[in-house]
């Protein structure tokens, strides 16, 4: 069995030609499309025209019942202020977050796919699932999810790091409740006090990217031992907070302004049009998504790579997104 490919600095190799996107926030971006559409159609259409299209017509298999969206987040530095702290010097594109959002009637479900999940890829090798994007872009990632997890995908949604930052700032910040002071020197997270805290773009980015999330509890520093799995849970918390912010926003011009700010940092499959995106936005408005994570166990490869593999509980969770 071949080992996970690593970049020289220890990061996973990813395709340099693609912009990376942040997926959880893209669910909220659908709200930005749907909410103002009936109020100021021209502005909505103008913002939608800036969205990048990805050719996947021969790849998407679709779901037999509900509609599955593969939501991908990337951390491309393109369009990001290079002076922001804790961004690192990486250049290129790597998938940072992967999720499946299923819409069936009024029910919305989210399935987080750990990026360290170790599966066979379309290249014939076995690697972390986020390496699929590295070697073959969106088409390879969609194919891997469909073949290895058995989930048919109807549409593809992608948002990059710059889009994430601009959305948060366009909303005037997003409030997160911290039970304890929290820190992560690598991501730049520095929350000095417990309680509700309004995060700006860079602060929110440090929160959702944290893999060494450390809390100060009764004078002791406690680091989350779950790494990528814990980070997925924090991203789910952040999505809920963003949706609350959007739901509380009554000014359509604020929503359209937010959409324009991030429009050039979104990518969707060519089959998803403005009307379809608007319907998705209206469905998500007021929704309380059911969240789950693909069950997995830690596994050490022969070369010492720390990855995740599907376990005996995986099929039961995946089945809800397969039918």
C-alpha atoms as a PDB file:
ATOM      1  CA  UNK A   1       0.000   0.000   0.000  1.00  0.00           C
ATOM      2  CA  UNK A   2       1.490   3.355  -0.980  1.00  0.00           C
ATOM      3  CA  UNK A   3       1.950   6.067   1.607  1.00  0.00           C
ATOM      4  CA  UNK A   4       0.297   9.517   1.603  1.00  0.00           C
ATOM      5  CA  UNK A   5       2.097  12.006  -0.616  1.00  0.00           C
ATOM      6  CA  UNK A   6       3.673  14.875   1.300  1.00  0.00           C
ATOM      7  CA  UNK A   7       4.946  18.256   0.132  1.00  0.00           C
ATOM      8  CA  UNK A   8       8.502  19.162   1.172  1.00  0.00           C
ATOM      9  CA  UNK A   9       7.201  21.166   4.137  1.00  0.00           C
ATOM     10  CA  UNK A  10       5.064  18.269   5.372  1.00  0.00           C
ATOM     11  CA  UNK A  11       1.820  19.538   3.883  1.00  0.00           C
ATOM     12  CA  UNK A  12      -0.211  17.395   1.493  1.00  0.00           C
ATOM     13  CA  UNK A  13       0.469  17.993  -2.194  1.00  0.00           C
ATOM     14  CA  UNK A  14      -2.429  19.732  -3.943  1.00  0.00           C
ATOM     15  CA  UNK A  15      -3.091  20.914  -7.493  1.00  0.00           C
ATOM     16  CA  UNK A  16      -1.415  24.315  -7.957  1.00  0.00           C
ATOM     17  CA  UNK A  17      -3.819  25.488 -10.648  1.00  0.00           C
ATOM     18  CA  UNK A  18      -6.994  25.564  -8.579  1.00  0.00           C
ATOM     19  CA  UNK A  19      -8.111  28.168  -6.045  1.00  0.00           C
ATOM     20  CA  UNK A  20      -8.888  26.661  -2.633  1.00  0.00           C
ATOM     21  CA  UNK A  21     -12.249  27.202  -1.063  1.00  0.00           C
ATOM     22  CA  UNK A  22     -13.850  27.127   2.387  1.00  0.00           C
ATOM     23  CA  UNK A  23     -16.899  24.816   2.303  1.00  0.00           C
ATOM     24  CA  UNK A  24     -18.901  25.343   5.455  1.00  0.00           C
ATOM     25  CA  UNK A  25     -19.297  29.007   4.706  1.00  0.00           C
ATOM     26  CA  UNK A  26     -20.512  28.239   1.194  1.00  0.00           C
ATOM     27  CA  UNK A  27     -23.710  26.890   2.691  1.00  0.00           C
ATOM     28  CA  UNK A  28     -24.266  30.332   4.110  1.00  0.00           C
ATOM     29  CA  UNK A  29     -23.384  31.888   0.758  1.00  0.00           C
ATOM     30  CA  UNK A  30     -26.362  30.097  -0.759  1.00  0.00           C
ATOM     31  CA  UNK A  31     -28.484  32.160   1.605  1.00  0.00           C
ATOM     32  CA  UNK A  32     -26.936  35.303   0.174  1.00  0.00           C
ATOM     33  CA  UNK A  33     -28.188  34.232  -3.237  1.00  0.00           C
ATOM     34  CA  UNK A  34     -31.653  33.175  -2.181  1.00  0.00           C
ATOM     35  CA  UNK A  35     -32.654  35.905   0.254  1.00  0.00           C
ATOM     36  CA  UNK A  36     -32.318  39.002  -1.945  1.00  0.00           C
ATOM     37  CA  UNK A  37     -33.216  37.383  -5.259  1.00  0.00           C
ATOM     38  CA  UNK A  38     -36.874  38.355  -5.280  1.00  0.00           C
ATOM     39  CA  UNK A  39     -36.133  41.842  -3.994  1.00  0.00           C
ATOM     40  CA  UNK A  40     -33.392  43.094  -6.244  1.00  0.00           C
ATOM     41  CA  UNK A  41     -33.086  40.587  -9.081  1.00  0.00           C
ATOM     42  CA  UNK A  42     -30.609  42.508 -11.208  1.00  0.00           C
ATOM     43  CA  UNK A  43     -28.097  42.947  -8.385  1.00  0.00           C
ATOM     44  CA  UNK A  44     -28.368  39.258  -7.542  1.00  0.00           C
ATOM     45  CA  UNK A  45     -27.811  38.299 -11.172  1.00  0.00           C
ATOM     46  CA  UNK A  46     -24.834  40.634 -11.451  1.00  0.00           C
ATOM     47  CA  UNK A  47     -23.212  39.073  -8.389  1.00  0.00           C
ATOM     48  CA  UNK A  48     -23.956  35.548  -9.655  1.00  0.00           C
ATOM     49  CA  UNK A  49     -22.176  36.248 -12.945  1.00  0.00           C
ATOM     50  CA  UNK A  50     -18.879  36.452 -11.042  1.00  0.00           C
ATOM     51  CA  UNK A  51     -19.158  32.862  -9.823  1.00  0.00           C
ATOM     52  CA  UNK A  52     -16.676  30.464 -11.442  1.00  0.00           C
ATOM     53  CA  UNK A  53     -18.086  27.395 -13.268  1.00  0.00           C
ATOM     54  CA  UNK A  54     -16.522  23.918 -13.079  1.00  0.00           C
ATOM     55  CA  UNK A  55     -17.145  21.368 -15.855  1.00  0.00           C
ATOM     56  CA  UNK A  56     -18.421  18.197 -14.165  1.00  0.00           C
ATOM     57  CA  UNK A  57     -21.325  17.105 -16.369  1.00  0.00           C
ATOM     58  CA  UNK A  58     -19.758  13.720 -17.138  1.00  0.00           C
ATOM     59  CA  UNK A  59     -18.734  13.067 -13.542  1.00  0.00           C
ATOM     60  CA  UNK A  60     -21.706  13.857 -11.300  1.00  0.00           C
ATOM     61  CA  UNK A  61     -23.824  10.733 -10.758  1.00  0.00           C
ATOM     62  CA  UNK A  62     -26.575  12.281  -8.664  1.00  0.00           C
ATOM     63  CA  UNK A  63     -28.644  10.915  -5.796  1.00  0.00           C
ATOM     64  CA  UNK A  64     -31.725   8.755  -6.490  1.00  0.00           C
ATOM     65  CA  UNK A  65     -33.865  10.646  -3.965  1.00  0.00           C
ATOM     66  CA  UNK A  66     -32.559  13.829  -2.348  1.00  0.00           C
ATOM     67  CA  UNK A  67     -30.007  16.308  -3.720  1.00  0.00           C
ATOM     68  CA  UNK A  68     -26.383  15.983  -2.602  1.00  0.00           C
ATOM     69  CA  UNK A  69     -23.963  18.909  -2.801  1.00  0.00           C
ATOM     70  CA  UNK A  70     -20.235  18.283  -2.408  1.00  0.00           C
ATOM     71  CA  UNK A  71     -19.001  21.319  -0.489  1.00  0.00           C
ATOM     72  CA  UNK A  72     -15.268  21.979  -0.659  1.00  0.00           C
ATOM     73  CA  UNK A  73     -13.164  24.574   1.146  1.00  0.00           C
ATOM     74  CA  UNK A  74      -9.670  25.579   0.076  1.00  0.00           C
ATOM     75  CA  UNK A  75      -6.940  27.803   1.499  1.00  0.00           C
ATOM     76  CA  UNK A  76      -5.520  29.509  -1.564  1.00  0.00           C
ATOM     77  CA  UNK A  77      -3.755  32.760  -0.690  1.00  0.00           C
ATOM     78  CA  UNK A  78      -4.997  34.321  -3.947  1.00  0.00           C
ATOM     79  CA  UNK A  79      -6.739  37.607  -3.197  1.00  0.00           C
ATOM     80  CA  UNK A  80      -5.657  37.571   0.463  1.00  0.00           C
ATOM     81  CA  UNK A  81      -3.608  40.343   2.073  1.00  0.00           C
ATOM     82  CA  UNK A  82      -0.097  38.812   2.308  1.00  0.00           C
ATOM     83  CA  UNK A  83       0.527  40.807   5.483  1.00  0.00           C
ATOM     84  CA  UNK A  84      -2.105  38.930   7.455  1.00  0.00           C
ATOM     85  CA  UNK A  85      -0.441  36.914  10.251  1.00  0.00           C
ATOM     86  CA  UNK A  86      -0.277  33.111  10.406  1.00  0.00           C
ATOM     87  CA  UNK A  87      -1.028  32.522   6.731  1.00  0.00           C
ATOM     88  CA  UNK A  88       2.305  30.892   5.987  1.00  0.00           C
ATOM     89  CA  UNK A  89       4.145  31.059   2.687  1.00  0.00           C
ATOM     90  CA  UNK A  90       2.371  28.214   0.884  1.00  0.00           C
ATOM     91  CA  UNK A  91       1.454  28.856  -2.743  1.00  0.00           C
ATOM     92  CA  UNK A  92      -0.944  26.662  -4.652  1.00  0.00           C
ATOM     93  CA  UNK A  93      -4.185  24.930  -3.798  1.00  0.00           C
ATOM     94  CA  UNK A  94      -5.110  22.307  -1.212  1.00  0.00           C
ATOM     95  CA  UNK A  95      -8.526  21.125  -0.088  1.00  0.00           C
ATOM     96  CA  UNK A  96      -8.879  21.996   3.562  1.00  0.00           C
ATOM     97  CA  UNK A  97     -12.461  20.969   4.312  1.00  0.00           C
ATOM     98  CA  UNK A  98     -14.788  18.514   2.570  1.00  0.00           C
ATOM     99  CA  UNK A  99     -18.477  17.918   3.297  1.00  0.00           C
ATOM    100  CA  UNK A 100     -21.644  16.577   1.722  1.00  0.00           C
ATOM    101  CA  UNK A 101     -24.828  18.603   2.181  1.00  0.00           C
ATOM    102  CA  UNK A 102     -28.041  16.706   1.486  1.00  0.00           C
ATOM    103  CA  UNK A 103     -31.345  18.455   0.840  1.00  0.00           C
ATOM    104  CA  UNK A 104     -34.448  16.269   0.881  1.00  0.00           C
ATOM    105  CA  UNK A 105     -37.669  18.263   1.044  1.00  0.00           C
ATOM    106  CA  UNK A 106     -37.253  20.677   3.946  1.00  0.00           C
ATOM    107  CA  UNK A 107     -34.632  18.504   5.656  1.00  0.00           C
ATOM    108  CA  UNK A 108     -30.985  19.577   5.404  1.00  0.00           C
ATOM    109  CA  UNK A 109     -28.197  17.256   6.543  1.00  0.00           C
ATOM    110  CA  UNK A 110     -24.439  17.827   6.626  1.00  0.00           C
ATOM    111  CA  UNK A 111     -21.788  15.108   6.537  1.00  0.00           C
ATOM    112  CA  UNK A 112     -18.234  16.162   7.324  1.00  0.00           C
ATOM    113  CA  UNK A 113     -15.546  14.101   5.596  1.00  0.00           C
ATOM    114  CA  UNK A 114     -12.203  14.237   7.446  1.00  0.00           C
ATOM    115  CA  UNK A 115      -9.482  15.305   5.045  1.00  0.00           C
ATOM    116  CA  UNK A 116      -7.157  12.667   6.565  1.00  0.00           C
ATOM    117  CA  UNK A 117      -9.487   9.813   5.557  1.00  0.00           C
ATOM    118  CA  UNK A 118      -7.252   7.178   3.904  1.00  0.00           C
ATOM    119  CA  UNK A 119      -8.888   5.747   0.756  1.00  0.00           C
ATOM    120  CA  UNK A 120      -8.022   4.448  -2.730  1.00  0.00           C
ATOM    121  CA  UNK A 121      -7.819   7.273  -5.278  1.00  0.00           C
ATOM    122  CA  UNK A 122      -8.504   7.408  -9.007  1.00  0.00           C
ATOM    123  CA  UNK A 123      -4.714   7.351  -9.570  1.00  0.00           C
ATOM    124  CA  UNK A 124      -4.585   3.749  -8.309  1.00  0.00           C
ATOM    125  CA  UNK A 125      -2.793   4.763  -5.123  1.00  0.00           C
ATOM    126  CA  UNK A 126      -4.134   4.949  -1.557  1.00  0.00           C
ATOM    127  CA  UNK A 127      -3.830   8.305   0.127  1.00  0.00           C
ATOM    128  CA  UNK A 128      -5.640  10.910   2.198  1.00  0.00           C
ATOM    129  CA  UNK A 129      -8.899  11.862   0.507  1.00  0.00           C
ATOM    130  CA  UNK A 130      -7.832  15.477   0.136  1.00  0.00           C
ATOM    131  CA  UNK A 131      -5.023  14.277  -2.131  1.00  0.00           C
ATOM    132  CA  UNK A 132      -7.684  13.418  -4.744  1.00  0.00           C
ATOM    133  CA  UNK A 133      -8.100  17.137  -5.406  1.00  0.00           C
ATOM    134  CA  UNK A 134      -4.322  17.492  -5.548  1.00  0.00           C
ATOM    135  CA  UNK A 135      -3.862  14.991  -8.347  1.00  0.00           C
ATOM    136  CA  UNK A 136      -7.032  15.505 -10.347  1.00  0.00           C
ATOM    137  CA  UNK A 137      -8.939  18.598  -9.180  1.00  0.00           C
ATOM    138  CA  UNK A 138     -12.697  18.687  -8.492  1.00  0.00           C
ATOM    139  CA  UNK A 139     -13.496  15.831 -10.889  1.00  0.00           C
ATOM    140  CA  UNK A 140     -11.154  13.419  -9.104  1.00  0.00           C
ATOM    141  CA  UNK A 141     -12.477  14.443  -5.689  1.00  0.00           C
ATOM    142  CA  UNK A 142     -16.115  13.982  -6.770  1.00  0.00           C
ATOM    143  CA  UNK A 143     -15.270  10.583  -8.256  1.00  0.00           C
ATOM    144  CA  UNK A 144     -13.475   9.483  -5.090  1.00  0.00           C
ATOM    145  CA  UNK A 145     -16.402  10.447  -2.878  1.00  0.00           C
ATOM    146  CA  UNK A 146     -18.826   8.629  -5.174  1.00  0.00           C
ATOM    147  CA  UNK A 147     -16.784   5.430  -5.521  1.00  0.00           C
ATOM    148  CA  UNK A 148     -15.219   5.118  -2.063  1.00  0.00           C
ATOM    149  CA  UNK A 149     -18.070   6.431   0.086  1.00  0.00           C
ATOM    150  CA  UNK A 150     -20.908   5.395  -2.212  1.00  0.00           C
ATOM    151  CA  UNK A 151     -22.524   8.834  -2.193  1.00  0.00           C
ATOM    152  CA  UNK A 152     -23.889  10.143  -5.498  1.00  0.00           C
ATOM    153  CA  UNK A 153     -23.191  13.849  -5.984  1.00  0.00           C
ATOM    154  CA  UNK A 154     -25.618  16.194  -7.789  1.00  0.00           C
ATOM    155  CA  UNK A 155     -23.782  19.526  -7.488  1.00  0.00           C
ATOM    156  CA  UNK A 156     -20.381  20.915  -6.555  1.00  0.00           C
ATOM    157  CA  UNK A 157     -19.800  24.022  -4.394  1.00  0.00           C
ATOM    158  CA  UNK A 158     -16.404  25.576  -3.598  1.00  0.00           C
ATOM    159  CA  UNK A 159     -15.237  28.667  -1.704  1.00  0.00           C
ATOM    160  CA  UNK A 160     -11.705  29.920  -1.085  1.00  0.00           C
ATOM    161  CA  UNK A 161      -9.964  31.594   1.801  1.00  0.00           C
ATOM    162  CA  UNK A 162     -10.410  35.115   0.459  1.00  0.00           C
ATOM    163  CA  UNK A 163     -14.137  34.510   0.094  1.00  0.00           C
ATOM    164  CA  UNK A 164     -14.292  33.339   3.684  1.00  0.00           C
ATOM    165  CA  UNK A 165     -12.570  36.474   4.974  1.00  0.00           C
ATOM    166  CA  UNK A 166     -14.712  38.833   2.896  1.00  0.00           C
ATOM    167  CA  UNK A 167     -17.981  37.184   3.896  1.00  0.00           C
ATOM    168  CA  UNK A 168     -17.242  37.485   7.613  1.00  0.00           C
ATOM    169  CA  UNK A 169     -16.207  41.121   7.303  1.00  0.00           C
ATOM    170  CA  UNK A 170     -19.189  41.953   5.056  1.00  0.00           C
ATOM    171  CA  UNK A 171     -21.478  40.666   7.815  1.00  0.00           C
ATOM    172  CA  UNK A 172     -19.721  42.871  10.350  1.00  0.00           C
ATOM    173  CA  UNK A 173     -18.234  39.884  12.169  1.00  0.00           C
ATOM    174  CA  UNK A 174     -19.572  36.584  13.500  1.00  0.00           C
ATOM    175  CA  UNK A 175     -20.171  35.878  17.184  1.00  0.00           C
ATOM    176  CA  UNK A 176     -18.915  32.603  18.684  1.00  0.00           C
ATOM    177  CA  UNK A 177     -19.374  31.519  22.296  1.00  0.00           C
ATOM    178  CA  UNK A 178     -16.145  30.295  23.907  1.00  0.00           C
ATOM    179  CA  UNK A 179     -16.621  28.279  27.141  1.00  0.00           C
ATOM    180  CA  UNK A 180     -12.959  28.931  28.018  1.00  0.00           C
ATOM    181  CA  UNK A 181     -10.152  31.161  26.749  1.00  0.00           C
ATOM    182  CA  UNK A 182      -8.725  29.477  23.645  1.00  0.00           C
ATOM    183  CA  UNK A 183      -5.441  29.615  21.764  1.00  0.00           C
ATOM    184  CA  UNK A 184      -3.569  28.140  18.814  1.00  0.00           C
ATOM    185  CA  UNK A 185      -0.220  29.713  18.037  1.00  0.00           C
ATOM    186  CA  UNK A 186      -0.017  28.108  14.603  1.00  0.00           C
ATOM    187  CA  UNK A 187      -3.406  29.326  13.323  1.00  0.00           C
ATOM    188  CA  UNK A 188      -3.178  32.622  15.231  1.00  0.00           C
ATOM    189  CA  UNK A 189      -6.205  32.023  17.474  1.00  0.00           C
ATOM    190  CA  UNK A 190      -6.028  34.088  20.671  1.00  0.00           C
ATOM    191  CA  UNK A 191      -9.246  34.376  22.693  1.00  0.00           C
ATOM    192  CA  UNK A 192      -8.351  35.880  26.061  1.00  0.00           C
ATOM    193  CA  UNK A 193     -11.740  35.642  27.780  1.00  0.00           C
ATOM    194  CA  UNK A 194     -14.595  33.139  27.894  1.00  0.00           C
ATOM    195  CA  UNK A 195     -18.047  34.090  26.655  1.00  0.00           C
ATOM    196  CA  UNK A 196     -19.520  35.402  23.386  1.00  0.00           C
ATOM    197  CA  UNK A 197     -16.839  36.957  21.185  1.00  0.00           C
ATOM    198  CA  UNK A 198     -17.328  38.736  17.875  1.00  0.00           C
ATOM    199  CA  UNK A 199     -14.714  37.529  15.393  1.00  0.00           C
ATOM    200  CA  UNK A 200     -13.602  39.498  12.363  1.00  0.00           C
ATOM    201  CA  UNK A 201     -12.407  37.755   9.178  1.00  0.00           C
ATOM    202  CA  UNK A 202      -8.823  36.905  10.236  1.00  0.00           C
ATOM    203  CA  UNK A 203      -9.960  35.910  13.751  1.00  0.00           C
ATOM    204  CA  UNK A 204     -12.692  33.648  12.358  1.00  0.00           C
ATOM    205  CA  UNK A 205     -10.180  32.101   9.982  1.00  0.00           C
ATOM    206  CA  UNK A 206      -7.843  31.324  12.888  1.00  0.00           C
ATOM    207  CA  UNK A 207     -10.763  29.641  14.683  1.00  0.00           C
ATOM    208  CA  UNK A 208     -11.926  27.366  11.839  1.00  0.00           C
ATOM    209  CA  UNK A 209      -8.378  26.416  10.797  1.00  0.00           C
ATOM    210  CA  UNK A 210      -7.188  25.507  14.284  1.00  0.00           C
ATOM    211  CA  UNK A 211      -5.844  21.957  14.607  1.00  0.00           C
ATOM    212  CA  UNK A 212      -4.040  22.564  17.903  1.00  0.00           C
ATOM    213  CA  UNK A 213      -7.018  24.112  19.674  1.00  0.00           C
ATOM    214  CA  UNK A 214      -5.978  24.729  23.286  1.00  0.00           C
ATOM    215  CA  UNK A 215      -8.238  25.902  26.121  1.00  0.00           C
ATOM    216  CA  UNK A 216      -7.238  27.430  29.434  1.00  0.00           C
ATOM    217  CA  UNK A 217      -9.305  25.493  31.990  1.00  0.00           C
ATOM    218  CA  UNK A 218      -8.823  26.296  35.689  1.00  0.00           C
ATOM    219  CA  UNK A 219      -5.281  27.455  35.046  1.00  0.00           C
ATOM    220  CA  UNK A 220      -4.320  24.404  32.969  1.00  0.00           C
ATOM    221  CA  UNK A 221      -3.806  24.367  29.211  1.00  0.00           C
ATOM    222  CA  UNK A 222      -5.779  21.535  27.597  1.00  0.00           C
ATOM    223  CA  UNK A 223      -5.227  20.782  23.895  1.00  0.00           C
ATOM    224  CA  UNK A 224      -7.963  19.084  21.883  1.00  0.00           C
ATOM    225  CA  UNK A 225      -6.539  15.613  21.085  1.00  0.00           C
ATOM    226  CA  UNK A 226      -8.877  14.985  18.134  1.00  0.00           C
ATOM    227  CA  UNK A 227      -7.027  17.264  15.667  1.00  0.00           C
ATOM    228  CA  UNK A 228      -8.916  17.220  12.343  1.00  0.00           C
ATOM    229  CA  UNK A 229     -12.108  15.762  13.836  1.00  0.00           C
ATOM    230  CA  UNK A 230     -12.255  18.498  16.463  1.00  0.00           C
ATOM    231  CA  UNK A 231     -11.652  21.116  13.816  1.00  0.00           C
ATOM    232  CA  UNK A 232     -14.621  19.782  11.825  1.00  0.00           C
ATOM    233  CA  UNK A 233     -16.858  20.221  14.875  1.00  0.00           C
ATOM    234  CA  UNK A 234     -15.687  23.813  15.323  1.00  0.00           C
ATOM    235  CA  UNK A 235     -16.420  24.515  11.659  1.00  0.00           C
ATOM    236  CA  UNK A 236     -19.945  23.211  12.205  1.00  0.00           C
ATOM    237  CA  UNK A 237     -20.325  25.604  15.143  1.00  0.00           C
ATOM    238  CA  UNK A 238     -19.100  28.436  12.976  1.00  0.00           C
ATOM    239  CA  UNK A 239     -21.574  27.610  10.208  1.00  0.00           C
ATOM    240  CA  UNK A 240     -24.427  27.718  12.707  1.00  0.00           C
ATOM    241  CA  UNK A 241     -23.232  31.145  13.866  1.00  0.00           C
ATOM    242  CA  UNK A 242     -22.995  32.465  10.290  1.00  0.00           C
ATOM    243  CA  UNK A 243     -26.502  31.247   9.535  1.00  0.00           C
ATOM    244  CA  UNK A 244     -27.730  33.031  12.669  1.00  0.00           C
ATOM    245  CA  UNK A 245     -26.081  36.246  11.491  1.00  0.00           C
ATOM    246  CA  UNK A 246     -27.657  35.929   8.051  1.00  0.00           C
ATOM    247  CA  UNK A 247     -31.052  35.079   9.503  1.00  0.00           C
ATOM    248  CA  UNK A 248     -30.921  38.191  11.674  1.00  0.00           C
ATOM    249  CA  UNK A 249     -30.005  40.428   8.718  1.00  0.00           C
ATOM    250  CA  UNK A 250     -33.105  42.118   7.343  1.00  0.00           C
ATOM    251  CA  UNK A 251     -31.431  44.593   4.988  1.00  0.00           C
ATOM    252  CA  UNK A 252     -31.247  43.027   1.486  1.00  0.00           C
ATOM    253  CA  UNK A 253     -28.532  45.498   0.478  1.00  0.00           C
ATOM    254  CA  UNK A 254     -26.305  44.078   3.228  1.00  0.00           C
ATOM    255  CA  UNK A 255     -26.861  40.575   1.880  1.00  0.00           C
ATOM    256  CA  UNK A 256     -26.209  41.610  -1.724  1.00  0.00           C
ATOM    257  CA  UNK A 257     -23.089  43.496  -0.643  1.00  0.00           C
ATOM    258  CA  UNK A 258     -21.835  40.369   1.093  1.00  0.00           C
ATOM    259  CA  UNK A 259     -22.520  38.269  -1.986  1.00  0.00           C
ATOM    260  CA  UNK A 260     -20.691  40.717  -4.266  1.00  0.00           C
ATOM    261  CA  UNK A 261     -17.726  40.681  -1.895  1.00  0.00           C
ATOM    262  CA  UNK A 262     -17.288  36.929  -2.255  1.00  0.00           C
ATOM    263  CA  UNK A 263     -18.750  36.182  -5.703  1.00  0.00           C
ATOM    264  CA  UNK A 264     -15.376  35.929  -7.429  1.00  0.00           C
ATOM    265  CA  UNK A 265     -14.193  33.449  -4.810  1.00  0.00           C
ATOM    266  CA  UNK A 266     -16.931  30.871  -5.340  1.00  0.00           C
ATOM    267  CA  UNK A 267     -17.009  28.003  -7.838  1.00  0.00           C
ATOM    268  CA  UNK A 268     -19.966  25.754  -8.728  1.00  0.00           C
ATOM    269  CA  UNK A 269     -20.638  23.042 -11.292  1.00  0.00           C
ATOM    270  CA  UNK A 270     -21.951  24.337 -14.620  1.00  0.00           C
ATOM    271  CA  UNK A 271     -25.329  22.691 -14.001  1.00  0.00           C
ATOM    272  CA  UNK A 272     -26.170  24.842 -10.985  1.00  0.00           C
ATOM    273  CA  UNK A 273     -27.865  28.014 -12.193  1.00  0.00           C
ATOM    274  CA  UNK A 274     -29.057  31.103 -10.380  1.00  0.00           C
ATOM    275  CA  UNK A 275     -32.583  29.760  -9.926  1.00  0.00           C
ATOM    276  CA  UNK A 276     -31.300  26.502  -8.478  1.00  0.00           C
ATOM    277  CA  UNK A 277     -28.948  28.376  -6.173  1.00  0.00           C
ATOM    278  CA  UNK A 278     -31.795  30.658  -5.085  1.00  0.00           C
ATOM    279  CA  UNK A 279     -33.983  27.656  -4.262  1.00  0.00           C
ATOM    280  CA  UNK A 280     -31.133  26.250  -2.187  1.00  0.00           C
ATOM    281  CA  UNK A 281     -30.750  29.549  -0.376  1.00  0.00           C
ATOM    282  CA  UNK A 282     -34.452  29.707   0.454  1.00  0.00           C
ATOM    283  CA  UNK A 283     -34.366  26.107   1.703  1.00  0.00           C
ATOM    284  CA  UNK A 284     -31.403  26.847   3.949  1.00  0.00           C
ATOM    285  CA  UNK A 285     -33.043  29.963   5.367  1.00  0.00           C
ATOM    286  CA  UNK A 286     -34.188  29.067   8.856  1.00  0.00           C
ATOM    287  CA  UNK A 287     -33.007  25.467   8.462  1.00  0.00           C
ATOM    288  CA  UNK A 288     -31.364  23.652  11.350  1.00  0.00           C
ATOM    289  CA  UNK A 289     -29.060  21.192   9.578  1.00  0.00           C
ATOM    290  CA  UNK A 290     -28.538  17.739  11.038  1.00  0.00           C
ATOM    291  CA  UNK A 291     -24.763  17.352  11.341  1.00  0.00           C
ATOM    292  CA  UNK A 292     -22.662  14.203  11.295  1.00  0.00           C
ATOM    293  CA  UNK A 293     -19.049  13.212  10.675  1.00  0.00           C
ATOM    294  CA  UNK A 294     -17.888  10.091   8.854  1.00  0.00           C
ATOM    295  CA  UNK A 295     -16.967   7.649  11.659  1.00  0.00           C
ATOM    296  CA  UNK A 296     -13.298   6.710  11.409  1.00  0.00           C
ATOM    297  CA  UNK A 297     -10.451   5.230  13.436  1.00  0.00           C
ATOM    298  CA  UNK A 298      -6.870   6.444  13.633  1.00  0.00           C
ATOM    299  CA  UNK A 299      -4.387   4.361  11.671  1.00  0.00           C
ATOM    300  CA  UNK A 300      -0.601   4.531  11.404  1.00  0.00           C
ATOM    301  CA  UNK A 301       0.820   3.636   8.012  1.00  0.00           C
ATOM    302  CA  UNK A 302       4.056   1.721   7.615  1.00  0.00           C
ATOM    303  CA  UNK A 303       5.922   5.004   7.153  1.00  0.00           C
ATOM    304  CA  UNK A 304       4.401   6.480  10.314  1.00  0.00           C
ATOM    305  CA  UNK A 305       1.741   8.679   8.696  1.00  0.00           C
ATOM    306  CA  UNK A 306      -1.162   9.339  11.082  1.00  0.00           C
ATOM    307  CA  UNK A 307      -4.379   8.930   9.055  1.00  0.00           C
ATOM    308  CA  UNK A 308      -8.016   7.865   9.483  1.00  0.00           C
ATOM    309  CA  UNK A 309      -9.789   4.796   8.107  1.00  0.00           C
ATOM    310  CA  UNK A 310     -13.461   3.844   7.877  1.00  0.00           C
ATOM    311  CA  UNK A 311     -14.711   1.667  10.728  1.00  0.00           C
ATOM    312  CA  UNK A 312     -17.661  -0.615  11.514  1.00  0.00           C
ATOM    313  CA  UNK A 313     -19.944   2.374  12.183  1.00  0.00           C
ATOM    314  CA  UNK A 314     -19.236   4.174   8.900  1.00  0.00           C
ATOM    315  CA  UNK A 315     -21.814   2.450   6.702  1.00  0.00           C
ATOM    316  CA  UNK A 316     -24.727   3.315   9.000  1.00  0.00           C
ATOM    317  CA  UNK A 317     -23.883   7.037   8.793  1.00  0.00           C
ATOM    318  CA  UNK A 318     -23.090   7.019   5.071  1.00  0.00           C
ATOM    319  CA  UNK A 319     -26.345   5.211   4.269  1.00  0.00           C
ATOM    320  CA  UNK A 320     -28.370   8.353   5.083  1.00  0.00           C
ATOM    321  CA  UNK A 321     -26.606  10.170   2.227  1.00  0.00           C
ATOM    322  CA  UNK A 322     -26.621   7.292  -0.293  1.00  0.00           C
ATOM    323  CA  UNK A 323     -30.324   6.620  -0.907  1.00  0.00           C
END
